[in-house]
Amino acid sequence: MKKIAVVTGAASGIGAAIARALSKQLYDLVLVGRNVEALSAAAGDIKSQTPECQVLCQQADLTNAEDREAILDCFVAEGY
């Protein structure tokens, strides 16, 4: 079974550290945060260190209901 983790606040700090740790355990990741440039940078870092992991970025503000629904739509579109 494929291991998948959704990490919020993944652009920096604790969220980014959690994402890196999960990638080393070969989780596929959905990185969620407000800053798309920082998310992309975090994803690039993870992919370079653990190329066998799939990493998807989703820009979202979790205080916004439409953004939370967009995360679910992203899962469906990507086949999770």
N, C-alpha and C. Protein backbone atom coordinates (compact mmCIF):
# COMPACT_ATOMS: atom_id res chain seq x y z
N MET A 1 0.84 -1.18 0.00
CA MET A 1 0.00 0.00 0.00
C MET A 1 0.88 1.24 0.00
N LYS A 2 0.52 2.21 -0.82
CA LYS A 2 1.26 3.46 -0.93
C LYS A 2 1.02 4.31 0.30
N LYS A 3 2.10 4.87 0.86
CA LYS A 3 1.99 5.76 2.01
C LYS A 3 1.94 7.20 1.51
N ILE A 4 0.92 7.93 1.93
CA ILE A 4 0.73 9.30 1.51
C ILE A 4 0.53 10.17 2.75
N ALA A 5 1.18 11.32 2.76
CA ALA A 5 1.02 12.26 3.88
C ALA A 5 0.71 13.64 3.32
N VAL A 6 -0.21 14.32 3.97
CA VAL A 6 -0.50 15.72 3.67
C VAL A 6 0.16 16.53 4.77
N VAL A 7 1.03 17.45 4.38
CA VAL A 7 1.75 18.26 5.36
C VAL A 7 1.36 19.72 5.17
N THR A 8 0.72 20.28 6.17
CA THR A 8 0.34 21.69 6.11
C THR A 8 1.48 22.53 6.67
N GLY A 9 1.56 23.76 6.19
CA GLY A 9 2.67 24.62 6.61
C GLY A 9 4.00 24.11 6.12
N ALA A 10 3.98 23.44 4.97
CA ALA A 10 5.16 22.72 4.48
C ALA A 10 6.19 23.61 3.80
N ALA A 11 5.91 24.88 3.66
CA ALA A 11 6.83 25.77 2.97
C ALA A 11 8.09 26.07 3.77
N SER A 12 7.98 25.99 5.10
CA SER A 12 9.15 26.32 5.93
C SER A 12 8.95 25.77 7.34
N GLY A 13 9.98 25.92 8.14
CA GLY A 13 9.90 25.58 9.56
C GLY A 13 9.59 24.13 9.85
N ILE A 14 8.75 23.93 10.85
CA ILE A 14 8.42 22.58 11.31
C ILE A 14 7.74 21.77 10.21
N GLY A 15 6.83 22.40 9.45
CA GLY A 15 6.15 21.69 8.37
C GLY A 15 7.12 21.16 7.33
N ALA A 16 8.10 21.97 6.94
CA ALA A 16 9.10 21.53 5.97
C ALA A 16 9.96 20.41 6.54
N ALA A 17 10.30 20.51 7.81
CA ALA A 17 11.11 19.46 8.45
C ALA A 17 10.34 18.15 8.52
N ILE A 18 9.06 18.23 8.82
CA ILE A 18 8.22 17.01 8.86
C ILE A 18 8.15 16.39 7.47
N ALA A 19 7.97 17.23 6.44
CA ALA A 19 7.91 16.71 5.07
C ALA A 19 9.20 16.00 4.69
N ARG A 20 10.34 16.59 5.04
CA ARG A 20 11.63 15.94 4.73
C ARG A 20 11.76 14.61 5.46
N ALA A 21 11.35 14.57 6.72
CA ALA A 21 11.45 13.33 7.49
C ALA A 21 10.54 12.25 6.90
N LEU A 22 9.34 12.62 6.49
CA LEU A 22 8.43 11.64 5.90
C LEU A 22 8.93 11.14 4.55
N SER A 23 9.57 12.02 3.79
CA SER A 23 10.09 11.59 2.49
C SER A 23 11.19 10.54 2.67
N LYS A 24 11.97 10.66 3.73
CA LYS A 24 13.01 9.67 3.99
C LYS A 24 12.41 8.32 4.36
N GLN A 25 11.15 8.32 4.79
CA GLN A 25 10.44 7.08 5.07
C GLN A 25 9.61 6.65 3.85
N LEU A 26 9.89 7.29 2.71
CA LEU A 26 9.29 6.98 1.40
C LEU A 26 7.79 7.23 1.33
N TYR A 27 7.33 8.24 2.02
CA TYR A 27 5.95 8.69 1.85
C TYR A 27 5.87 9.53 0.59
N ASP A 28 4.78 9.41 -0.15
CA ASP A 28 4.46 10.39 -1.16
C ASP A 28 3.83 11.56 -0.41
N LEU A 29 4.08 12.78 -0.89
CA LEU A 29 3.69 13.95 -0.11
C LEU A 29 2.81 14.91 -0.89
N VAL A 30 1.88 15.51 -0.17
CA VAL A 30 1.14 16.66 -0.65
C VAL A 30 1.53 17.80 0.29
N LEU A 31 2.26 18.76 -0.25
CA LEU A 31 2.72 19.89 0.55
C LEU A 31 1.71 21.01 0.41
N VAL A 32 1.22 21.52 1.53
CA VAL A 32 0.20 22.56 1.53
C VAL A 32 0.73 23.79 2.26
N GLY A 33 0.50 24.94 1.66
CA GLY A 33 0.91 26.19 2.28
C GLY A 33 0.42 27.38 1.48
N ARG A 34 0.63 28.56 2.00
CA ARG A 34 0.16 29.77 1.32
C ARG A 34 1.16 30.31 0.30
N ASN A 35 2.43 30.05 0.49
CA ASN A 35 3.47 30.62 -0.37
C ASN A 35 3.91 29.59 -1.41
N VAL A 36 3.41 29.75 -2.63
CA VAL A 36 3.66 28.75 -3.67
C VAL A 36 5.14 28.67 -4.04
N GLU A 37 5.85 29.78 -4.02
CA GLU A 37 7.28 29.75 -4.36
C GLU A 37 8.06 28.94 -3.32
N ALA A 38 7.76 29.17 -2.05
CA ALA A 38 8.44 28.43 -0.98
C ALA A 38 8.06 26.95 -1.02
N LEU A 39 6.80 26.65 -1.35
CA LEU A 39 6.38 25.25 -1.48
C LEU A 39 7.16 24.56 -2.60
N SER A 40 7.29 25.25 -3.72
CA SER A 40 8.02 24.68 -4.85
C SER A 40 9.49 24.44 -4.50
N ALA A 41 10.06 25.36 -3.76
CA ALA A 41 11.45 25.18 -3.33
C ALA A 41 11.59 23.99 -2.39
N ALA A 42 10.66 23.86 -1.46
CA ALA A 42 10.69 22.72 -0.53
C ALA A 42 10.51 21.41 -1.30
N ALA A 43 9.60 21.41 -2.27
CA ALA A 43 9.38 20.20 -3.07
C ALA A 43 10.63 19.84 -3.86
N GLY A 44 11.29 20.85 -4.44
CA GLY A 44 12.52 20.59 -5.19
C GLY A 44 13.60 20.01 -4.31
N ASP A 45 13.72 20.52 -3.10
CA ASP A 45 14.70 20.01 -2.15
C ASP A 45 14.42 18.54 -1.82
N ILE A 46 13.16 18.24 -1.57
CA ILE A 46 12.78 16.86 -1.23
C ILE A 46 13.02 15.94 -2.41
N LYS A 47 12.62 16.36 -3.60
CA LYS A 47 12.80 15.51 -4.79
C LYS A 47 14.27 15.25 -5.09
N SER A 48 15.12 16.24 -4.82
CA SER A 48 16.54 16.03 -5.09
C SER A 48 17.16 15.06 -4.09
N GLN A 49 16.65 15.04 -2.87
CA GLN A 49 17.18 14.15 -1.84
C GLN A 49 16.53 12.78 -1.87
N THR A 50 15.28 12.71 -2.29
CA THR A 50 14.54 11.45 -2.30
C THR A 50 13.74 11.36 -3.60
N PRO A 51 14.40 11.10 -4.73
CA PRO A 51 13.72 11.15 -6.03
C PRO A 51 12.61 10.11 -6.20
N GLU A 52 12.60 9.07 -5.41
CA GLU A 52 11.57 8.05 -5.56
C GLU A 52 10.23 8.47 -4.95
N CYS A 53 10.21 9.57 -4.23
CA CYS A 53 8.97 10.07 -3.62
C CYS A 53 8.27 11.02 -4.59
N GLN A 54 6.96 10.89 -4.65
CA GLN A 54 6.17 11.85 -5.42
C GLN A 54 5.82 13.01 -4.50
N VAL A 55 5.96 14.21 -5.01
CA VAL A 55 5.67 15.40 -4.21
C VAL A 55 4.76 16.31 -5.01
N LEU A 56 3.63 16.63 -4.43
CA LEU A 56 2.65 17.51 -5.04
C LEU A 56 2.50 18.74 -4.16
N CYS A 57 2.44 19.92 -4.76
CA CYS A 57 2.26 21.16 -4.00
C CYS A 57 0.84 21.68 -4.22
N GLN A 58 0.24 22.16 -3.14
CA GLN A 58 -1.09 22.75 -3.24
C GLN A 58 -1.09 24.04 -2.43
N GLN A 59 -1.24 25.16 -3.13
CA GLN A 59 -1.33 26.43 -2.43
C GLN A 59 -2.72 26.52 -1.80
N ALA A 60 -2.74 26.81 -0.49
CA ALA A 60 -4.02 26.91 0.21
C ALA A 60 -3.84 27.64 1.53
N ASP A 61 -4.89 28.33 1.92
CA ASP A 61 -5.00 28.93 3.24
C ASP A 61 -6.09 28.13 3.96
N LEU A 62 -5.71 27.36 4.94
CA LEU A 62 -6.65 26.44 5.58
C LEU A 62 -7.76 27.13 6.36
N THR A 63 -7.67 28.43 6.53
CA THR A 63 -8.78 29.15 7.15
C THR A 63 -9.88 29.43 6.14
N ASN A 64 -9.63 29.16 4.87
CA ASN A 64 -10.58 29.42 3.79
C ASN A 64 -11.22 28.09 3.36
N ALA A 65 -12.54 28.00 3.46
CA ALA A 65 -13.26 26.76 3.13
C ALA A 65 -13.05 26.35 1.67
N GLU A 66 -13.03 27.32 0.76
CA GLU A 66 -12.81 26.99 -0.65
C GLU A 66 -11.43 26.39 -0.88
N ASP A 67 -10.44 26.89 -0.18
CA ASP A 67 -9.09 26.34 -0.30
C ASP A 67 -9.03 24.91 0.23
N ARG A 68 -9.73 24.65 1.33
CA ARG A 68 -9.76 23.27 1.87
C ARG A 68 -10.40 22.33 0.87
N GLU A 69 -11.45 22.75 0.21
CA GLU A 69 -12.09 21.91 -0.81
C GLU A 69 -11.16 21.71 -2.00
N ALA A 70 -10.37 22.72 -2.32
CA ALA A 70 -9.42 22.60 -3.44
C ALA A 70 -8.39 21.51 -3.16
N ILE A 71 -8.01 21.35 -1.90
CA ILE A 71 -7.07 20.28 -1.55
C ILE A 71 -7.69 18.93 -1.85
N LEU A 72 -8.94 18.75 -1.48
CA LEU A 72 -9.63 17.49 -1.77
C LEU A 72 -9.76 17.27 -3.28
N ASP A 73 -10.07 18.32 -4.02
CA ASP A 73 -10.16 18.21 -5.47
C ASP A 73 -8.81 17.81 -6.06
N CYS A 74 -7.75 18.31 -5.49
CA CYS A 74 -6.40 17.97 -5.93
C CYS A 74 -6.14 16.47 -5.77
N PHE A 75 -6.57 15.92 -4.63
CA PHE A 75 -6.42 14.48 -4.40
C PHE A 75 -7.12 13.68 -5.49
N VAL A 76 -8.34 14.06 -5.78
CA VAL A 76 -9.13 13.34 -6.79
C VAL A 76 -8.46 13.45 -8.15
N ALA A 77 -8.02 14.66 -8.51
CA ALA A 77 -7.41 14.88 -9.83
C ALA A 77 -6.12 14.08 -9.98
N GLU A 78 -5.38 13.91 -8.90
CA GLU A 78 -4.10 13.20 -8.95
C GLU A 78 -4.26 11.70 -8.74
N GLY A 79 -5.46 11.25 -8.48
CA GLY A 79 -5.71 9.81 -8.34
C GLY A 79 -5.39 9.23 -6.97
N TYR A 80 -5.31 10.08 -5.96
CA TYR A 80 -5.08 9.59 -4.61
C TYR A 80 -6.39 9.10 -4.10
